[in-house]
């Protein structure tokens, strides 16, 4: 085979998507993602920003 063999997982693409900033569509600030646990014990990811 000519050229480099490409790996199955593209590590640079994963790192780029992880470092990409999420901006709020309402105020434009950075969105913080937190894990919230409901009183019944269910886990839920919440995005905090301007509370819209």
PDB file of N, CA and C in Angstrom:
ATOM      1  N   UNK A   1       0.829  -1.190   0.000  1.00  0.00           N
ATOM      2  CA  UNK A   1       0.000   0.000   0.000  1.00  0.00           C
ATOM      3  C   UNK A   1       0.869   1.246   0.000  1.00  0.00           C
ATOM      4  N   UNK A   2       0.466   2.188  -0.775  1.00  0.00           N
ATOM      5  CA  UNK A   2       1.188   3.449  -0.818  1.00  0.00           C
ATOM      6  C   UNK A   2       0.532   4.427   0.149  1.00  0.00           C
ATOM      7  N   UNK A   3       1.333   5.212   0.832  1.00  0.00           N
ATOM      8  CA  UNK A   3       0.799   6.212   1.755  1.00  0.00           C
ATOM      9  C   UNK A   3       0.642   5.676   3.166  1.00  0.00           C
ATOM     10  N   UNK A   4       0.103   6.538   4.019  1.00  0.00           N
ATOM     11  CA  UNK A   4      -0.086   6.153   5.416  1.00  0.00           C
ATOM     12  C   UNK A   4      -1.361   5.349   5.587  1.00  0.00           C
ATOM     13  N   UNK A   5      -1.328   4.450   6.546  1.00  0.00           N
ATOM     14  CA  UNK A   5      -2.528   3.703   6.911  1.00  0.00           C
ATOM     15  C   UNK A   5      -3.303   4.545   7.913  1.00  0.00           C
ATOM     16  N   UNK A   6      -4.569   4.755   7.636  1.00  0.00           N
ATOM     17  CA  UNK A   6      -5.395   5.585   8.498  1.00  0.00           C
ATOM     18  C   UNK A   6      -5.992   4.739   9.618  1.00  0.00           C
ATOM     19  N   UNK A   7      -5.942   5.267  10.838  1.00  0.00           N
ATOM     20  CA  UNK A   7      -6.503   4.517  11.961  1.00  0.00           C
ATOM     21  C   UNK A   7      -8.026   4.588  11.920  1.00  0.00           C
ATOM     22  N   UNK A   8      -8.657   3.655  12.629  1.00  0.00           N
ATOM     23  CA  UNK A   8     -10.119   3.630  12.644  1.00  0.00           C
ATOM     24  C   UNK A   8     -10.697   4.804  13.420  1.00  0.00           C
ATOM     25  N   UNK A   9      -9.999   5.247  14.457  1.00  0.00           N
ATOM     26  CA  UNK A   9     -10.486   6.379  15.243  1.00  0.00           C
ATOM     27  C   UNK A   9      -9.637   7.593  14.933  1.00  0.00           C
ATOM     28  N   UNK A  10     -10.291   8.670  14.580  1.00  0.00           N
ATOM     29  CA  UNK A  10      -9.596   9.905  14.249  1.00  0.00           C
ATOM     30  C   UNK A  10      -9.463  10.733  15.527  1.00  0.00           C
ATOM     31  N   UNK A  11      -8.321  10.605  16.189  1.00  0.00           N
ATOM     32  CA  UNK A  11      -8.104  11.226  17.494  1.00  0.00           C
ATOM     33  C   UNK A  11      -8.128  12.745  17.387  1.00  0.00           C
ATOM     34  N   UNK A  12      -7.570  13.294  16.336  1.00  0.00           N
ATOM     35  CA  UNK A  12      -7.536  14.754  16.199  1.00  0.00           C
ATOM     36  C   UNK A  12      -8.937  15.320  16.022  1.00  0.00           C
ATOM     37  N   UNK A  13      -9.817  14.634  15.321  1.00  0.00           N
ATOM     38  CA  UNK A  13     -11.193  15.099  15.147  1.00  0.00           C
ATOM     39  C   UNK A  13     -11.946  15.053  16.469  1.00  0.00           C
ATOM     40  N   UNK A  14     -11.702  14.008  17.275  1.00  0.00           N
ATOM     41  CA  UNK A  14     -12.361  13.933  18.587  1.00  0.00           C
ATOM     42  C   UNK A  14     -11.887  15.048  19.494  1.00  0.00           C
ATOM     43  N   UNK A  15     -10.595  15.338  19.485  1.00  0.00           N
ATOM     44  CA  UNK A  15     -10.048  16.405  20.323  1.00  0.00           C
ATOM     45  C   UNK A  15     -10.580  17.761  19.885  1.00  0.00           C
ATOM     46  N   UNK A  16     -10.719  17.958  18.585  1.00  0.00           N
ATOM     47  CA  UNK A  16     -11.238  19.231  18.079  1.00  0.00           C
ATOM     48  C   UNK A  16     -12.684  19.443  18.496  1.00  0.00           C
ATOM     49  N   UNK A  17     -13.504  18.402  18.411  1.00  0.00           N
ATOM     50  CA  UNK A  17     -14.908  18.543  18.795  1.00  0.00           C
ATOM     51  C   UNK A  17     -15.051  18.747  20.300  1.00  0.00           C
ATOM     52  N   UNK A  18     -14.142  18.160  21.076  1.00  0.00           N
ATOM     53  CA  UNK A  18     -14.188  18.327  22.529  1.00  0.00           C
ATOM     54  C   UNK A  18     -13.815  19.748  22.933  1.00  0.00           C
ATOM     55  N   UNK A  19     -12.871  20.358  22.210  1.00  0.00           N
ATOM     56  CA  UNK A  19     -12.403  21.697  22.541  1.00  0.00           C
ATOM     57  C   UNK A  19     -13.258  22.806  21.938  1.00  0.00           C
ATOM     58  N   UNK A  20     -14.182  22.439  21.067  1.00  0.00           N
ATOM     59  CA  UNK A  20     -15.042  23.445  20.441  1.00  0.00           C
ATOM     60  C   UNK A  20     -15.963  24.052  21.500  1.00  0.00           C
ATOM     61  N   UNK A  21     -16.101  25.352  21.512  1.00  0.00           N
ATOM     62  CA  UNK A  21     -16.945  26.020  22.492  1.00  0.00           C
ATOM     63  C   UNK A  21     -18.392  26.009  22.036  1.00  0.00           C
ATOM     64  N   UNK A  22     -19.285  25.716  22.962  1.00  0.00           N
ATOM     65  CA  UNK A  22     -20.708  25.808  22.682  1.00  0.00           C
ATOM     66  C   UNK A  22     -21.182  27.181  23.113  1.00  0.00           C
ATOM     67  N   UNK A  23     -21.846  27.884  22.221  1.00  0.00           N
ATOM     68  CA  UNK A  23     -22.350  29.214  22.534  1.00  0.00           C
ATOM     69  C   UNK A  23     -23.868  29.174  22.599  1.00  0.00           C
ATOM     70  N   UNK A  24     -24.404  29.945  23.534  1.00  0.00           N
ATOM     71  CA  UNK A  24     -25.846  30.041  23.712  1.00  0.00           C
ATOM     72  C   UNK A  24     -26.455  30.743  22.498  1.00  0.00           C
ATOM     73  N   UNK A  25     -27.587  30.231  22.027  1.00  0.00           N
ATOM     74  CA  UNK A  25     -28.215  30.858  20.865  1.00  0.00           C
ATOM     75  C   UNK A  25     -28.963  32.134  21.232  1.00  0.00           C
ATOM     76  N   UNK A  26     -29.193  32.373  22.537  1.00  0.00           N
ATOM     77  CA  UNK A  26     -29.903  33.563  22.974  1.00  0.00           C
ATOM     78  C   UNK A  26     -28.957  34.711  23.322  1.00  0.00           C
ATOM     79  N   UNK A  27     -27.932  34.446  24.159  1.00  0.00           N
ATOM     80  CA  UNK A  27     -27.063  35.535  24.615  1.00  0.00           C
ATOM     81  C   UNK A  27     -25.655  35.466  24.034  1.00  0.00           C
ATOM     82  N   UNK A  28     -25.243  34.316  23.458  1.00  0.00           N
ATOM     83  CA  UNK A  28     -23.927  34.203  22.843  1.00  0.00           C
ATOM     84  C   UNK A  28     -22.807  33.822  23.803  1.00  0.00           C
ATOM     85  N   UNK A  29     -23.107  33.654  25.086  1.00  0.00           N
ATOM     86  CA  UNK A  29     -22.097  33.265  26.068  1.00  0.00           C
ATOM     87  C   UNK A  29     -21.829  31.774  26.004  1.00  0.00           C
ATOM     88  N   UNK A  30     -20.729  31.348  26.639  1.00  0.00           N
ATOM     89  CA  UNK A  30     -20.372  29.933  26.687  1.00  0.00           C
ATOM     90  C   UNK A  30     -21.397  29.173  27.517  1.00  0.00           C
ATOM     91  N   UNK A  31     -21.773  27.987  27.059  1.00  0.00           N
ATOM     92  CA  UNK A  31     -22.750  27.157  27.742  1.00  0.00           C
ATOM     93  C   UNK A  31     -22.009  26.156  28.626  1.00  0.00           C
ATOM     94  N   UNK A  32     -22.442  26.040  29.873  1.00  0.00           N
ATOM     95  CA  UNK A  32     -21.851  25.081  30.806  1.00  0.00           C
ATOM     96  C   UNK A  32     -22.772  23.864  30.895  1.00  0.00           C
ATOM     97  N   UNK A  33     -22.212  22.674  30.731  1.00  0.00           N
ATOM     98  CA  UNK A  33     -22.990  21.438  30.795  1.00  0.00           C
ATOM     99  C   UNK A  33     -22.716  20.775  32.137  1.00  0.00           C
ATOM    100  N   UNK A  34     -23.788  20.493  32.897  1.00  0.00           N
ATOM    101  CA  UNK A  34     -23.657  19.874  34.216  1.00  0.00           C
ATOM    102  C   UNK A  34     -24.573  18.660  34.294  1.00  0.00           C
ATOM    103  N   UNK A  35     -24.222  17.735  35.194  1.00  0.00           N
ATOM    104  CA  UNK A  35     -25.034  16.558  35.444  1.00  0.00           C
ATOM    105  C   UNK A  35     -25.948  16.854  36.629  1.00  0.00           C
ATOM    106  N   UNK A  36     -27.255  16.792  36.404  1.00  0.00           N
ATOM    107  CA  UNK A  36     -28.231  17.030  37.464  1.00  0.00           C
ATOM    108  C   UNK A  36     -28.927  15.720  37.791  1.00  0.00           C
ATOM    109  N   UNK A  37     -29.151  15.490  39.069  1.00  0.00           N
ATOM    110  CA  UNK A  37     -29.840  14.286  39.515  1.00  0.00           C
ATOM    111  C   UNK A  37     -31.192  14.696  40.100  1.00  0.00           C
ATOM    112  N   UNK A  38     -32.257  14.146  39.555  1.00  0.00           N
ATOM    113  CA  UNK A  38     -33.604  14.477  40.007  1.00  0.00           C
ATOM    114  C   UNK A  38     -33.868  13.802  41.349  1.00  0.00           C
ATOM    115  N   UNK A  39     -34.893  14.234  42.069  1.00  0.00           N
ATOM    116  CA  UNK A  39     -35.224  13.598  43.359  1.00  0.00           C
ATOM    117  C   UNK A  39     -35.525  12.103  43.236  1.00  0.00           C
ATOM    118  N   UNK A  40     -35.980  11.664  42.070  1.00  0.00           N
ATOM    119  CA  UNK A  40     -36.264  10.240  41.880  1.00  0.00           C
ATOM    120  C   UNK A  40     -34.999   9.441  41.579  1.00  0.00           C
ATOM    121  N   UNK A  41     -33.856  10.129  41.404  1.00  0.00           N
ATOM    122  CA  UNK A  41     -32.588   9.447  41.178  1.00  0.00           C
ATOM    123  C   UNK A  41     -32.164   9.378  39.728  1.00  0.00           C
ATOM    124  N   UNK A  42     -32.960   9.953  38.825  1.00  0.00           N
ATOM    125  CA  UNK A  42     -32.630   9.911  37.403  1.00  0.00           C
ATOM    126  C   UNK A  42     -31.574  10.969  37.086  1.00  0.00           C
ATOM    127  N   UNK A  43     -30.579  10.596  36.294  1.00  0.00           N
ATOM    128  CA  UNK A  43     -29.515  11.519  35.920  1.00  0.00           C
ATOM    129  C   UNK A  43     -29.878  12.209  34.618  1.00  0.00           C
ATOM    130  N   UNK A  44     -29.555  13.504  34.535  1.00  0.00           N
ATOM    131  CA  UNK A  44     -29.892  14.283  33.356  1.00  0.00           C
ATOM    132  C   UNK A  44     -28.822  15.325  33.115  1.00  0.00           C
ATOM    133  N   UNK A  45     -28.374  15.474  31.871  1.00  0.00           N
ATOM    134  CA  UNK A  45     -27.409  16.512  31.517  1.00  0.00           C
ATOM    135  C   UNK A  45     -28.174  17.805  31.260  1.00  0.00           C
ATOM    136  N   UNK A  46     -27.728  18.889  31.903  1.00  0.00           N
ATOM    137  CA  UNK A  46     -28.367  20.193  31.732  1.00  0.00           C
ATOM    138  C   UNK A  46     -27.359  21.176  31.213  1.00  0.00           C
ATOM    139  N   UNK A  47     -27.807  22.076  30.372  1.00  0.00           N
ATOM    140  CA  UNK A  47     -26.971  23.137  29.833  1.00  0.00           C
ATOM    141  C   UNK A  47     -27.352  24.439  30.522  1.00  0.00           C
ATOM    142  N   UNK A  48     -26.392  25.031  31.210  1.00  0.00           N
ATOM    143  CA  UNK A  48     -26.650  26.252  31.948  1.00  0.00           C
ATOM    144  C   UNK A  48     -26.039  27.437  31.220  1.00  0.00           C
ATOM    145  N   UNK A  49     -26.753  28.520  31.177  1.00  0.00           N
ATOM    146  CA  UNK A  49     -26.231  29.750  30.581  1.00  0.00           C
ATOM    147  C   UNK A  49     -27.064  30.901  31.128  1.00  0.00           C
ATOM    148  N   UNK A  50     -27.964  31.389  30.330  1.00  0.00           N
ATOM    149  CA  UNK A  50     -28.802  32.508  30.738  1.00  0.00           C
ATOM    150  C   UNK A  50     -30.166  32.030  31.226  1.00  0.00           C
ATOM    151  N   UNK A  51     -30.287  30.713  31.471  1.00  0.00           N
ATOM    152  CA  UNK A  51     -31.494  30.065  31.994  1.00  0.00           C
ATOM    153  C   UNK A  51     -32.704  30.239  31.075  1.00  0.00           C
ATOM    154  N   UNK A  52     -32.489  30.230  29.770  1.00  0.00           N
ATOM    155  CA  UNK A  52     -33.593  30.278  28.801  1.00  0.00           C
ATOM    156  C   UNK A  52     -33.926  28.900  28.339  1.00  0.00           C
TER     157      UNK A  52
END
